[in-house]
Amino acid sequence: MRELGGREAAGMSRDRYVDFLRAWAILLVVLGHWLITGLVRRPDGTIVAPELLATVPWTQWLTLGFQIMPLFFLAGGYAAGGSWERARAAGGTAAGWVGQRAVRLLLPTAVYSGLVLLAVGVCAAVGVDPGTLALVGWAMAMQFWFLPVYLLLSALTPVLYALHRRGGLGVPFGMGVAGFGVGVLVVTVDGPYAEAVGALNHLLVWGVVYQLGFCWREGLLGRGRAVPAAMAAVGGAGFALLVGIGPFPVSLILVTGQDVSNTNPPSAAMLAWAVAQVGLALLVAPVLRRGLGRARVGRAVRGLGAASMTLYLWHMLPVLVIAAAFYLTGLAPQPDYGSAGWWVLRGPWLVVLGVVLAAVVRGLRPVERRLALTEARVRPGAGVRGVGGWRVWAGVGVSAGALTYFAGHGFAYGGRFPVAAAVGLGVGVALVTVPWGWGETGGAGVRGGAEGALERVG
């Protein structure tokens, strides 16, 4: 009994650590986006947002700490592996499981996108400056690149997990070799074919980390420090070589004007950094797990996790609020962009944005509750198949296409309303949620523990 209790406690601790990784990642995403977003009011009263990483090049080094997306995919793979295994054991189908997870992502995303698109449509109709509208539309979609990638990896989970059961660590290793090759191809070969092949790295590179989540859950990454330490060392050294000697920039976020990017598509350097970050996360896990056992810390992690999707989607809205309240009115002090005075004001900037975001999250609680009730009604059944199953796959594909457009172009590219993408997202969400042809109604999703919080997005 004591041994069993110890194993259960270890499992619970590990689940709490997965929740912590999600919460930590979402916090750094929000802070990182706020930190690099700086507003400037021109003499004619217009507001612009110079690109900090391009204007102040040394800030590109900061992205080594703020590019935290590998933790999303690691935690996502960890949770998805267990979820799919349980669903399959209970007789669920791949389409049913994928559909339930897609609904968790698509419903809040559709509400957010719908409200932003409504605002874009109204602003375009009343003659708002197209340049301003395009800038705002881009800012409100800058976080969207993650959504189609995660949605597609979730849809591929039954296949990826089957490969994992057969090949174990060989699967992420093979995907890593392929991703490294694609990354080299992108920087050595010009032309549209190289660009098209490079797009595969969105699934290959992030898929490596997702697969490592499967491996972590089943103890394949070792129970000591040797394997994580080797991952951190090899990944870190590889990144240093690829940046120092190779052609890749240090910035782990897209920078305008750079011929080679580490994110679009994910590069060989990003792959190396992701491996290093996973190794580091596993190395510090024992220490952090002890801290997560404290009740106050656990409550904070759960609270942040419960609001994670809202934080992720809505965290740029406070920037618009502050722009309207302090910059359009000329009330905000404006030291030279990137100067010492400007950096000093980053502190109050972050605090004010945090206060506004807290109010936004609080105001959206009724919407979140309504979405939870709606999800329970419209998600496909765990055993859906036939016509309903094909609808799930079609809906995921169409939605991923629309989200990819928004991620690359924003909500108002060229100052215009994106009709095709808006219709595409609406059709995709409807295919996954409107309950005709399911063959089985209701859902059987398992939640809690490691599948709370951000698990709602996948």
Protein backbone atom coordinates (compact mmCIF):
# COMPACT_ATOMS: atom_id res chain seq x y z
CA MET A 1 0.00 0.00 0.00
CA ARG A 2 2.82 2.41 0.84
CA GLU A 3 4.49 1.72 -2.52
CA LEU A 4 1.22 2.21 -4.37
CA GLY A 5 0.58 5.44 -2.50
CA GLY A 6 4.06 6.66 -3.40
CA ARG A 7 3.48 5.93 -7.08
CA GLU A 8 0.12 7.70 -7.01
CA ALA A 9 1.70 10.72 -5.31
CA ALA A 10 4.46 10.80 -7.90
CA GLY A 11 1.88 10.66 -10.68
CA MET A 12 -0.13 13.48 -9.13
CA SER A 13 3.04 15.54 -8.69
CA ARG A 14 3.96 15.01 -12.30
CA ASP A 15 0.45 16.04 -13.40
CA ARG A 16 0.76 19.21 -11.34
CA TYR A 17 4.09 19.88 -13.01
CA VAL A 18 2.48 19.54 -16.45
CA ASP A 19 -0.13 22.08 -15.37
CA PHE A 20 2.67 24.32 -14.14
CA LEU A 21 4.48 24.11 -17.49
CA ARG A 22 1.32 25.27 -19.24
CA ALA A 23 0.75 28.09 -16.75
CA TRP A 24 4.37 29.23 -16.93
CA ALA A 25 4.31 29.14 -20.71
CA ILE A 26 1.12 31.17 -20.99
CA LEU A 27 2.51 33.74 -18.53
CA LEU A 28 5.71 34.20 -20.52
CA VAL A 29 3.82 34.42 -23.82
CA VAL A 30 1.70 37.25 -22.44
CA LEU A 31 4.63 39.10 -20.86
CA GLY A 32 6.80 38.60 -23.95
CA HIS A 33 4.20 40.01 -26.33
CA TRP A 34 3.60 42.99 -24.03
CA LEU A 35 7.31 43.65 -23.57
CA ILE A 36 8.12 43.81 -27.28
CA THR A 37 5.04 45.90 -28.12
CA GLY A 38 5.87 49.57 -27.92
CA LEU A 39 3.58 52.37 -29.07
CA VAL A 40 4.60 55.74 -30.50
CA ARG A 41 2.29 58.69 -31.10
CA ARG A 42 3.31 60.66 -34.16
CA PRO A 43 2.87 64.45 -34.43
CA ASP A 44 -0.20 63.94 -36.64
CA GLY A 45 -1.86 61.93 -33.86
CA THR A 46 -1.53 58.50 -35.45
CA ILE A 47 -0.26 55.57 -33.40
CA VAL A 48 2.43 53.22 -34.69
CA ALA A 49 4.11 50.21 -33.14
CA PRO A 50 7.78 50.01 -34.20
CA GLU A 51 9.14 46.48 -34.18
CA LEU A 52 11.37 46.33 -31.11
CA LEU A 53 13.44 43.35 -32.25
CA ALA A 54 14.31 45.10 -35.51
CA THR A 55 14.69 48.61 -34.08
CA VAL A 56 16.78 47.59 -31.05
CA PRO A 57 18.65 44.49 -32.30
CA TRP A 58 20.16 43.45 -28.95
CA THR A 59 16.65 42.64 -27.70
CA GLN A 60 16.65 39.60 -29.97
CA TRP A 61 18.65 37.84 -27.24
CA LEU A 62 15.64 38.21 -24.94
CA THR A 63 13.72 35.77 -27.12
CA LEU A 64 15.87 32.94 -25.74
CA GLY A 65 13.93 33.28 -22.51
CA PHE A 66 10.54 34.22 -23.88
CA GLN A 67 10.28 31.62 -26.69
CA ILE A 68 8.56 29.11 -24.47
CA MET A 69 6.32 27.32 -26.96
CA PRO A 70 8.21 24.00 -26.65
CA LEU A 71 6.68 23.67 -23.18
CA PHE A 72 3.17 23.93 -24.67
CA PHE A 73 3.83 21.08 -27.04
CA LEU A 74 5.64 18.97 -24.43
CA ALA A 75 2.77 19.31 -21.96
CA GLY A 76 0.25 18.84 -24.76
CA GLY A 77 1.83 15.60 -25.89
CA TYR A 78 2.05 14.34 -22.32
CA ALA A 79 -1.66 14.95 -21.70
CA ALA A 80 -2.84 13.88 -25.17
CA GLY A 81 -1.10 10.51 -24.95
CA GLY A 82 -2.93 9.60 -21.76
CA SER A 83 -6.23 11.00 -22.98
CA TRP A 84 -6.18 9.09 -26.27
CA GLU A 85 -5.09 5.88 -24.57
CA ARG A 86 -8.02 6.06 -22.16
CA ALA A 87 -10.49 6.94 -24.90
CA ARG A 88 -9.31 4.07 -27.07
CA ALA A 89 -9.53 1.62 -24.15
CA ALA A 90 -13.12 2.76 -23.56
CA GLY A 91 -14.08 2.05 -27.19
CA GLY A 92 -13.85 5.61 -28.50
CA THR A 93 -13.03 6.37 -32.11
CA ALA A 94 -10.29 8.63 -33.42
CA ALA A 95 -12.87 10.97 -34.95
CA GLY A 96 -14.79 11.22 -31.69
CA TRP A 97 -11.69 11.98 -29.64
CA VAL A 98 -10.32 14.49 -32.14
CA GLY A 99 -13.72 16.16 -32.45
CA GLN A 100 -14.06 16.63 -28.70
CA ARG A 101 -10.61 18.18 -28.45
CA ALA A 102 -11.21 20.36 -31.52
CA VAL A 103 -14.38 21.74 -29.95
CA ARG A 104 -12.40 22.80 -26.87
CA LEU A 105 -10.10 24.86 -29.03
CA LEU A 106 -12.48 26.10 -31.68
CA LEU A 107 -15.41 27.37 -29.61
CA PRO A 108 -13.48 30.03 -27.62
CA THR A 109 -11.41 30.85 -30.69
CA ALA A 110 -14.57 31.33 -32.76
CA VAL A 111 -16.09 33.65 -30.15
CA TYR A 112 -12.91 35.72 -29.96
CA SER A 113 -12.51 35.82 -33.74
CA GLY A 114 -16.16 36.64 -34.27
CA LEU A 115 -16.03 39.64 -31.95
CA VAL A 116 -12.80 40.92 -33.48
CA LEU A 117 -14.16 40.46 -37.00
CA LEU A 118 -17.34 42.28 -36.03
CA ALA A 119 -15.24 45.21 -34.82
CA VAL A 120 -13.18 45.10 -38.04
CA GLY A 121 -16.34 45.15 -40.14
CA VAL A 122 -17.78 48.12 -38.26
CA CYS A 123 -14.50 50.05 -38.42
CA ALA A 124 -14.12 49.39 -42.14
CA ALA A 125 -17.70 50.52 -42.75
CA VAL A 126 -17.23 53.83 -40.93
CA GLY A 127 -13.99 54.59 -42.76
CA VAL A 128 -11.25 53.88 -40.23
CA ASP A 129 -7.81 54.37 -41.79
CA PRO A 130 -6.89 51.06 -43.53
CA GLY A 131 -3.32 51.16 -42.24
CA THR A 132 -4.48 51.53 -38.65
CA LEU A 133 -7.07 48.81 -39.12
CA ALA A 134 -4.48 46.45 -40.58
CA LEU A 135 -2.12 47.10 -37.65
CA VAL A 136 -4.82 46.44 -35.08
CA GLY A 137 -5.98 43.35 -36.96
CA TRP A 138 -2.43 42.01 -36.96
CA ALA A 139 -1.96 42.71 -33.24
CA MET A 140 -5.15 40.83 -32.36
CA ALA A 141 -4.01 37.77 -34.33
CA MET A 142 -0.27 37.71 -33.57
CA GLN A 143 -0.72 34.70 -31.25
CA PHE A 144 -2.75 32.65 -33.73
CA TRP A 145 0.18 30.76 -35.33
CA PHE A 146 0.04 28.26 -32.46
CA LEU A 147 -3.62 27.33 -32.97
CA PRO A 148 -3.58 25.62 -36.41
CA VAL A 149 -0.36 23.76 -35.57
CA TYR A 150 -1.72 22.45 -32.28
CA LEU A 151 -5.06 21.63 -33.87
CA LEU A 152 -3.38 19.55 -36.58
CA LEU A 153 -1.08 17.78 -34.12
CA SER A 154 -4.14 16.93 -32.03
CA ALA A 155 -5.87 15.56 -35.12
CA LEU A 156 -2.79 13.47 -35.90
CA THR A 157 -2.45 12.17 -32.33
CA PRO A 158 -3.99 8.72 -33.00
CA VAL A 159 -1.42 8.14 -35.77
CA LEU A 160 1.46 9.74 -33.87
CA TYR A 161 0.68 7.73 -30.74
CA ALA A 162 0.51 4.50 -32.74
CA LEU A 163 3.97 5.31 -34.13
CA HIS A 164 5.14 6.02 -30.61
CA ARG A 165 3.93 2.63 -29.40
CA ARG A 166 5.95 0.99 -32.14
CA GLY A 167 9.08 3.14 -32.21
CA GLY A 168 9.38 4.94 -28.87
CA LEU A 169 12.23 7.43 -28.87
CA GLY A 170 13.06 6.52 -32.45
CA VAL A 171 10.00 8.46 -33.62
CA PRO A 172 11.00 11.92 -32.34
CA PHE A 173 14.59 11.18 -33.38
CA GLY A 174 13.48 10.37 -36.93
CA MET A 175 11.19 13.41 -37.06
CA GLY A 176 14.07 15.53 -35.77
CA VAL A 177 16.40 14.30 -38.51
CA ALA A 178 13.72 15.07 -41.10
CA GLY A 179 13.06 18.49 -39.58
CA PHE A 180 16.77 19.30 -39.52
CA GLY A 181 17.03 18.35 -43.19
CA VAL A 182 14.06 20.50 -44.11
CA GLY A 183 15.55 23.40 -42.15
CA VAL A 184 18.83 23.12 -44.05
CA LEU A 185 16.93 22.92 -47.34
CA VAL A 186 15.05 26.13 -46.61
CA VAL A 187 18.25 28.16 -46.15
CA THR A 188 20.20 26.60 -49.04
CA VAL A 189 17.60 26.37 -51.81
CA ASP A 190 15.55 29.26 -53.17
CA GLY A 191 12.16 29.06 -54.80
CA PRO A 192 8.53 28.24 -54.02
CA TYR A 193 9.19 24.51 -53.72
CA ALA A 194 11.63 25.04 -50.85
CA GLU A 195 9.08 27.30 -49.16
CA ALA A 196 6.34 24.68 -49.53
CA VAL A 197 8.58 21.92 -48.17
CA GLY A 198 9.65 24.21 -45.34
CA ALA A 199 6.05 24.44 -44.17
CA LEU A 200 6.35 20.79 -43.12
CA ASN A 201 8.57 21.89 -40.27
CA HIS A 202 5.59 23.39 -38.47
CA LEU A 203 4.52 19.79 -37.86
CA LEU A 204 7.96 18.15 -37.82
CA VAL A 205 9.74 20.44 -35.35
CA TRP A 206 6.81 20.96 -33.00
CA GLY A 207 5.85 17.33 -33.55
CA VAL A 208 9.23 16.29 -32.11
CA VAL A 209 8.40 18.03 -28.83
CA TYR A 210 4.85 16.64 -28.89
CA GLN A 211 6.25 13.11 -29.29
CA LEU A 212 8.71 13.75 -26.46
CA GLY A 213 5.63 14.43 -24.32
CA PHE A 214 4.47 10.87 -25.06
CA CYS A 215 7.92 9.56 -24.15
CA TRP A 216 8.09 11.61 -20.96
CA ARG A 217 4.75 10.29 -19.78
CA GLU A 218 5.91 6.70 -20.17
CA GLY A 219 9.31 7.22 -18.58
CA LEU A 220 11.32 6.80 -21.79
CA LEU A 221 13.37 9.92 -21.12
CA GLY A 222 15.01 8.30 -18.11
CA ARG A 223 14.21 8.49 -14.43
CA GLY A 224 17.44 10.26 -13.51
CA ARG A 225 19.23 13.36 -14.71
CA ALA A 226 21.47 11.84 -17.38
CA VAL A 227 19.09 11.96 -20.35
CA PRO A 228 17.65 15.44 -19.61
CA ALA A 229 21.16 16.78 -19.04
CA ALA A 230 22.32 15.32 -22.34
CA MET A 231 19.31 16.85 -24.14
CA ALA A 232 19.98 20.27 -22.61
CA ALA A 233 23.70 20.12 -23.42
CA VAL A 234 23.42 18.75 -26.95
CA GLY A 235 20.49 20.99 -27.85
CA GLY A 236 22.18 24.07 -26.40
CA ALA A 237 25.47 23.34 -28.13
CA GLY A 238 23.69 22.67 -31.41
CA PHE A 239 21.85 25.98 -31.16
CA ALA A 240 25.09 27.84 -30.42
CA LEU A 241 26.80 26.30 -33.44
CA LEU A 242 23.87 26.89 -35.79
CA VAL A 243 23.68 30.55 -34.72
CA GLY A 244 27.37 31.26 -34.21
CA ILE A 245 28.75 29.43 -37.25
CA GLY A 246 25.65 28.59 -39.23
CA PRO A 247 23.24 30.90 -41.04
CA PHE A 248 20.54 31.18 -38.40
CA PRO A 249 19.74 34.34 -36.40
CA VAL A 250 19.67 34.37 -32.62
CA SER A 251 16.08 35.63 -32.49
CA LEU A 252 13.53 32.91 -31.83
CA ILE A 253 10.75 35.25 -32.96
CA LEU A 254 10.24 36.48 -36.52
CA VAL A 255 12.10 39.73 -37.23
CA THR A 256 11.22 41.84 -40.24
CA GLY A 257 14.12 42.17 -42.65
CA GLN A 258 15.93 38.99 -41.69
CA ASP A 259 16.40 36.67 -44.66
CA VAL A 260 16.36 33.56 -42.43
CA SER A 261 13.76 33.02 -39.74
CA ASN A 262 13.76 30.57 -36.85
CA THR A 263 9.98 30.47 -36.66
CA ASN A 264 8.50 30.75 -40.14
CA PRO A 265 9.04 27.90 -40.66
CA PRO A 266 10.65 26.50 -37.50
CA SER A 267 14.35 26.12 -38.28
CA ALA A 268 17.06 23.65 -37.36
CA ALA A 269 18.15 26.14 -34.70
CA MET A 270 14.62 26.21 -33.27
CA LEU A 271 14.67 22.41 -33.17
CA ALA A 272 17.94 22.45 -31.22
CA TRP A 273 16.60 25.07 -28.81
CA ALA A 274 13.39 23.07 -28.29
CA VAL A 275 15.37 19.95 -27.38
CA ALA A 276 17.50 21.97 -24.96
CA GLN A 277 14.40 23.51 -23.38
CA VAL A 278 12.76 20.12 -22.90
CA GLY A 279 15.92 18.80 -21.26
CA LEU A 280 16.07 21.82 -18.95
CA ALA A 281 12.39 21.46 -18.02
CA LEU A 282 12.96 17.84 -17.02
CA LEU A 283 16.13 18.71 -15.10
CA VAL A 284 14.40 21.27 -12.87
CA ALA A 285 11.25 19.17 -12.46
CA PRO A 286 12.20 17.55 -9.11
CA VAL A 287 12.86 20.90 -7.47
CA LEU A 288 9.74 22.55 -8.85
CA ARG A 289 7.52 19.60 -7.97
CA ARG A 290 8.39 20.06 -4.32
CA GLY A 291 7.29 23.67 -4.50
CA LEU A 292 4.08 22.74 -6.33
CA GLY A 293 3.06 20.64 -3.35
CA ARG A 294 2.33 23.81 -1.39
CA ALA A 295 -1.36 24.63 -1.30
CA ARG A 296 -0.96 28.32 -2.14
CA VAL A 297 1.27 27.60 -5.14
CA GLY A 298 -1.08 24.90 -6.36
CA ARG A 299 -4.04 27.27 -6.19
CA ALA A 300 -2.16 29.91 -8.16
CA VAL A 301 -1.24 27.40 -10.87
CA ARG A 302 -4.80 26.10 -11.08
CA GLY A 303 -6.19 29.63 -11.25
CA LEU A 304 -3.82 30.65 -14.01
CA GLY A 305 -4.49 27.40 -15.82
CA ALA A 306 -8.25 27.81 -15.62
CA ALA A 307 -7.99 31.16 -17.40
CA SER A 308 -5.26 30.08 -19.83
CA MET A 309 -7.30 30.07 -23.03
CA THR A 310 -8.82 33.45 -22.19
CA LEU A 311 -5.39 34.88 -21.40
CA TYR A 312 -3.92 33.48 -24.60
CA LEU A 313 -6.65 34.81 -26.87
CA TRP A 314 -7.39 38.16 -25.27
CA HIS A 315 -4.04 39.39 -23.93
CA MET A 316 -3.50 41.95 -26.72
CA LEU A 317 -6.83 43.70 -26.09
CA PRO A 318 -5.36 45.67 -23.13
CA VAL A 319 -2.76 47.11 -25.50
CA LEU A 320 -5.57 48.61 -27.60
CA VAL A 321 -7.29 49.92 -24.48
CA ILE A 322 -4.11 51.63 -23.27
CA ALA A 323 -3.43 52.96 -26.77
CA ALA A 324 -6.85 54.61 -26.84
CA ALA A 325 -6.74 55.90 -23.25
CA PHE A 326 -3.17 57.19 -23.05
CA TYR A 327 -1.60 57.41 -26.49
CA LEU A 328 -4.41 58.76 -28.66
CA THR A 329 -5.04 61.36 -25.96
CA GLY A 330 -1.35 62.26 -25.70
CA LEU A 331 -1.25 61.48 -21.96
CA ALA A 332 1.46 58.83 -22.19
CA PRO A 333 5.05 60.05 -21.71
CA GLN A 334 7.17 59.35 -24.76
CA PRO A 335 10.92 59.03 -24.22
CA ASP A 336 12.96 58.01 -27.24
CA TYR A 337 12.01 54.54 -28.39
CA GLY A 338 14.41 51.98 -26.87
CA SER A 339 16.15 54.55 -24.63
CA ALA A 340 16.89 54.05 -20.92
CA GLY A 341 13.82 56.10 -20.03
CA TRP A 342 11.69 53.99 -22.33
CA TRP A 343 12.87 50.82 -20.59
CA VAL A 344 12.13 52.29 -17.18
CA LEU A 345 8.54 52.87 -18.29
CA ARG A 346 8.22 49.21 -19.32
CA GLY A 347 7.53 48.41 -15.66
CA PRO A 348 4.41 50.62 -15.32
CA TRP A 349 3.39 49.56 -18.84
CA LEU A 350 3.31 45.89 -17.82
CA VAL A 351 1.53 46.64 -14.55
CA VAL A 352 -1.23 48.67 -16.21
CA LEU A 353 -1.69 46.04 -18.92
CA GLY A 354 -1.93 43.37 -16.22
CA VAL A 355 -4.65 45.30 -14.40
CA VAL A 356 -6.65 45.75 -17.61
CA LEU A 357 -6.25 42.08 -18.54
CA ALA A 358 -7.42 41.01 -15.08
CA ALA A 359 -10.57 43.08 -15.62
CA VAL A 360 -11.05 41.54 -19.08
CA VAL A 361 -10.71 38.00 -17.70
CA ARG A 362 -13.16 38.76 -14.90
CA GLY A 363 -15.63 40.26 -17.35
CA LEU A 364 -15.43 37.21 -19.60
CA ARG A 365 -16.27 34.69 -16.87
CA PRO A 366 -19.98 34.53 -17.82
CA VAL A 367 -18.93 33.91 -21.43
CA GLU A 368 -16.59 31.11 -20.31
CA ARG A 369 -19.36 29.45 -18.32
CA ARG A 370 -21.70 29.67 -21.30
CA LEU A 371 -19.03 28.21 -23.55
CA ALA A 372 -18.52 25.29 -21.16
CA LEU A 373 -22.25 24.51 -21.26
CA THR A 374 -22.31 24.88 -25.03
CA GLU A 375 -19.32 22.57 -25.42
CA ALA A 376 -21.04 19.86 -23.40
CA ARG A 377 -24.06 20.06 -25.73
CA VAL A 378 -22.39 20.26 -29.13
CA ARG A 379 -19.23 18.17 -28.92
CA PRO A 380 -19.36 14.94 -30.92
CA GLY A 381 -19.77 11.64 -29.13
CA ALA A 382 -16.73 9.60 -28.15
CA GLY A 383 -17.70 6.87 -30.61
CA VAL A 384 -18.74 9.00 -33.58
CA ARG A 385 -18.07 7.44 -36.97
CA GLY A 386 -19.39 7.45 -40.54
CA VAL A 387 -20.76 10.78 -41.79
CA GLY A 388 -20.13 12.38 -38.41
CA GLY A 389 -16.52 11.25 -38.48
CA TRP A 390 -15.92 12.71 -41.93
CA ARG A 391 -17.45 15.97 -40.72
CA VAL A 392 -14.93 16.12 -37.90
CA TRP A 393 -11.96 15.68 -40.23
CA ALA A 394 -13.35 18.19 -42.73
CA GLY A 395 -14.10 20.72 -39.99
CA VAL A 396 -10.60 20.43 -38.52
CA GLY A 397 -9.02 20.90 -41.95
CA VAL A 398 -11.13 23.91 -42.93
CA SER A 399 -10.68 25.54 -39.51
CA ALA A 400 -6.91 25.01 -39.62
CA GLY A 401 -6.79 26.69 -43.02
CA ALA A 402 -8.71 29.73 -41.79
CA LEU A 403 -6.62 30.02 -38.63
CA THR A 404 -3.46 29.77 -40.71
CA TYR A 405 -4.64 32.73 -42.80
CA PHE A 406 -5.33 34.83 -39.71
CA ALA A 407 -1.96 33.87 -38.24
CA GLY A 408 -0.14 35.04 -41.35
CA HIS A 409 -2.22 38.06 -42.32
CA GLY A 410 -4.15 39.22 -39.26
CA PHE A 411 -7.84 40.05 -39.12
CA ALA A 412 -7.71 43.01 -41.50
CA TYR A 413 -4.95 42.47 -44.06
CA GLY A 414 -4.67 45.56 -46.25
CA GLY A 415 -7.31 47.23 -44.09
CA ARG A 416 -10.03 44.98 -45.54
CA PHE A 417 -12.47 42.53 -44.00
CA PRO A 418 -11.23 38.93 -44.63
CA VAL A 419 -14.41 37.45 -46.06
CA ALA A 420 -13.05 34.08 -47.21
CA ALA A 421 -11.18 33.35 -43.98
CA ALA A 422 -14.12 34.43 -41.82
CA VAL A 423 -16.50 32.19 -43.75
CA GLY A 424 -13.96 29.35 -43.62
CA LEU A 425 -13.65 29.53 -39.85
CA GLY A 426 -17.43 29.64 -39.47
CA VAL A 427 -17.92 26.62 -41.73
CA GLY A 428 -15.13 24.69 -40.01
CA VAL A 429 -16.51 25.30 -36.54
CA ALA A 430 -20.03 24.42 -37.69
CA LEU A 431 -18.84 21.13 -39.17
CA VAL A 432 -17.33 20.10 -35.84
CA THR A 433 -20.12 21.36 -33.59
CA VAL A 434 -23.54 21.28 -35.29
CA PRO A 435 -24.99 17.95 -34.07
CA TRP A 436 -26.35 16.28 -37.20
CA GLY A 437 -25.08 12.95 -38.44
CA TRP A 438 -23.02 12.16 -35.35
CA GLY A 439 -24.44 8.68 -34.96
CA GLU A 440 -23.86 9.11 -31.22
CA THR A 441 -24.66 12.16 -29.12
CA GLY A 442 -23.04 13.42 -25.99
CA GLY A 443 -19.41 13.23 -25.02
CA ALA A 444 -17.17 11.27 -22.74
CA GLY A 445 -14.16 13.50 -22.36
CA VAL A 446 -12.05 13.13 -19.24
CA ARG A 447 -10.89 16.31 -17.55
CA GLY A 448 -8.91 17.28 -14.56
CA GLY A 449 -5.33 16.97 -13.44
CA ALA A 450 -3.01 17.29 -16.38
CA GLU A 451 -5.94 17.76 -18.75
CA GLY A 452 -7.30 20.97 -17.29
CA ALA A 453 -6.44 24.49 -18.29
CA LEU A 454 -4.68 24.61 -21.61
CA GLU A 455 -5.89 21.08 -22.43
CA ARG A 456 -9.08 22.91 -23.41
CA VAL A 457 -7.22 24.17 -26.47
CA GLY A 458 -6.38 20.69 -27.68
